[in-house]
Protein backbone atom coordinates (compact mmCIF):
# COMPACT_ATOMS: atom_id res chain seq x y z
CA MET A 1 0.00 0.00 0.00
CA ALA A 2 1.39 3.39 -0.98
CA THR A 3 2.12 5.92 1.69
CA ILE A 4 0.70 9.37 1.18
CA MET A 5 3.12 12.07 2.23
CA LYS A 6 1.64 15.10 3.86
CA SER A 7 2.80 18.40 2.48
CA LYS A 8 3.14 21.55 4.51
CA PRO A 9 -0.13 23.42 4.83
CA MET A 10 -0.65 26.06 2.18
CA GLN A 11 -1.14 29.62 3.21
CA ASP A 12 -4.40 31.48 2.80
CA ASP A 13 -2.86 33.78 0.17
CA TYR A 14 -2.28 30.79 -2.11
CA PHE A 15 -5.91 29.75 -1.90
CA ALA A 16 -7.03 33.35 -2.42
CA LEU A 17 -5.03 33.42 -5.66
CA ILE A 18 -6.53 30.07 -6.72
CA GLN A 19 -10.02 31.52 -6.20
CA ARG A 20 -9.16 34.56 -8.34
CA PHE A 21 -7.60 32.54 -11.17
CA PRO A 22 -7.64 28.74 -10.81
CA LEU A 23 -4.54 26.84 -11.87
CA SER A 24 -5.67 24.78 -14.84
CA PRO A 25 -4.42 24.38 -18.41
CA ILE A 26 -4.62 27.56 -20.46
CA ARG A 27 -6.58 26.90 -23.64
CA ASN A 28 -7.17 30.27 -25.31
CA GLN A 29 -5.90 33.83 -25.64
CA ARG A 30 -8.44 35.19 -23.14
CA GLN A 31 -7.20 32.84 -20.43
CA LEU A 32 -3.62 33.68 -21.37
CA ALA A 33 -4.32 37.41 -20.97
CA GLN A 34 -5.84 36.75 -17.53
CA ALA A 35 -2.83 34.64 -16.57
CA HIS A 36 -0.47 37.41 -17.68
CA ALA A 37 -2.40 39.92 -15.57
CA MET A 38 -1.93 37.70 -12.50
CA ILE A 39 1.74 37.13 -13.33
CA ASP A 40 2.29 40.88 -13.78
CA GLU A 41 0.60 41.58 -10.46
CA LEU A 42 2.77 39.08 -8.60
CA THR A 43 6.02 40.06 -10.30
CA ARG A 44 5.55 43.61 -9.06
CA ILE A 45 6.18 42.25 -5.58
CA PRO A 46 9.92 41.99 -4.87
CA GLU A 47 10.89 38.33 -4.98
CA ALA A 48 12.20 38.39 -1.40
CA LYS A 49 8.80 39.61 -0.20
CA LEU A 50 6.69 36.94 -1.91
CA THR A 51 5.12 34.54 0.53
CA PRO A 52 5.74 30.83 -0.11
CA GLY A 53 2.14 30.53 -1.32
CA GLN A 54 2.53 33.44 -3.75
CA ALA A 55 5.85 32.08 -5.03
CA ASP A 56 4.40 28.60 -5.59
CA TYR A 57 1.35 30.00 -7.37
CA LEU A 58 3.49 32.25 -9.57
CA GLU A 59 5.79 29.39 -10.53
CA VAL A 60 2.94 27.07 -11.54
CA LEU A 61 1.01 29.80 -13.36
CA GLY A 62 4.18 30.75 -15.26
CA ASP A 63 4.63 27.12 -16.28
CA LEU A 64 1.02 26.93 -17.49
CA ALA A 65 1.39 30.13 -19.52
CA ALA A 66 4.68 28.92 -21.03
CA LYS A 67 3.14 25.58 -21.98
CA PHE A 68 0.43 27.42 -23.93
CA GLU A 69 2.77 30.02 -25.46
CA ASN A 70 5.86 28.02 -26.37
CA PRO A 71 4.46 26.00 -29.30
CA ARG A 72 2.99 29.17 -30.77
CA MET A 73 6.18 31.16 -30.20
CA ILE A 74 8.32 28.48 -31.81
CA ASP A 75 6.18 28.58 -34.97
CA GLN A 76 6.42 32.38 -35.09
CA VAL A 77 10.20 32.47 -34.76
CA LYS A 78 11.23 29.44 -36.82
CA ASN A 79 12.65 31.63 -39.62
CA VAL A 80 14.33 34.16 -37.31
CA SER A 81 18.01 33.92 -36.37
CA GLY A 82 18.98 32.79 -32.91
CA LEU A 83 20.65 36.12 -32.26
CA ASP A 84 17.48 38.01 -33.24
CA VAL A 85 15.43 35.79 -30.90
CA LEU A 86 17.91 36.47 -28.12
CA LYS A 87 17.82 40.24 -28.70
CA HIS A 88 14.03 40.20 -28.65
CA LEU A 89 13.92 38.18 -25.43
CA LEU A 90 16.42 40.47 -23.75
CA GLU A 91 14.40 43.54 -24.72
CA ALA A 92 11.10 41.94 -23.68
CA ASN A 93 12.58 41.05 -20.29
CA ASP A 94 14.35 44.40 -19.83
CA LEU A 95 17.78 42.74 -19.82
CA ASN A 96 21.05 44.12 -21.20
CA ALA A 97 24.41 42.72 -22.31
CA SER A 98 25.70 42.61 -18.73
CA ASP A 99 22.62 40.67 -17.64
CA LEU A 100 23.18 38.26 -20.53
CA GLY A 101 26.79 37.77 -19.46
CA ARG A 102 25.65 36.97 -15.92
CA ILE A 103 23.07 34.50 -17.23
CA LEU A 104 25.79 32.76 -19.25
CA GLY A 105 28.30 32.89 -16.41
CA GLN A 106 30.82 34.90 -18.44
CA ARG A 107 30.37 38.61 -18.09
CA GLU A 108 32.23 39.69 -21.24
CA VAL A 109 30.44 37.18 -23.49
CA GLY A 110 27.09 39.03 -23.43
CA SER A 111 28.26 42.08 -25.35
CA LYS A 112 30.37 40.00 -27.77
CA LEU A 113 27.36 37.84 -28.65
CA LEU A 114 25.11 40.84 -29.17
CA ARG A 115 27.66 42.57 -31.42
CA GLY A 116 28.07 39.39 -33.47
CA GLU A 117 31.74 39.05 -32.50
CA ARG A 118 31.09 35.63 -31.06
CA ARG A 119 28.64 32.88 -31.97
CA ILE A 120 26.20 31.34 -29.52
CA SER A 121 27.72 28.03 -28.42
CA ARG A 122 25.75 24.87 -27.66
CA SER A 123 26.28 25.38 -23.92
CA HIS A 124 25.12 29.01 -24.21
CA ALA A 125 22.07 27.86 -26.17
CA LYS A 126 21.20 25.31 -23.49
CA THR A 127 21.54 27.91 -20.74
CA LEU A 128 19.43 30.40 -22.70
CA GLY A 129 16.84 27.74 -23.50
CA ASP A 130 16.55 26.87 -19.82
CA ARG A 131 16.32 30.55 -18.85
CA PHE A 132 13.67 31.49 -21.42
CA GLY A 133 11.80 28.19 -21.65
CA LEU A 134 12.67 27.50 -25.28
CA PRO A 135 14.49 24.66 -27.02
CA ALA A 136 18.25 25.28 -27.20
CA GLU A 137 18.06 24.93 -31.00
CA THR A 138 16.14 28.22 -31.13
CA PHE A 139 19.37 30.07 -30.37
CA LEU A 140 21.56 28.08 -32.77
CA ARG A 141 19.89 29.22 -36.01
């Protein structure tokens, strides 16, 4: 017989968020817009000040939104270069060359990649794919 492990009790704020926007698969643009509104609201709170319930909710809602968006995004960017995708993602996330270098673990690499002085390596592509929720191949085109 399987043992059921008890998880720590969830906080009231988590359940309040669930009541406002239940965590279920996103199936259309209207639901996606509502999910983005909730994500925007929660990301305005400094990460260190999020309660565990808010952080858990935000993580799962972000995953649900990404699951809906990623197949559509991949189709839209299939003929765009990896560098162009990267530049767009940096702009959309308000990140700069220094931020990119920190993401890749090599500070000077960010600006070299963006200027086209260096190509995106497979390890960079994997790191970027993990960071932005896209297949690594997206950045190798």
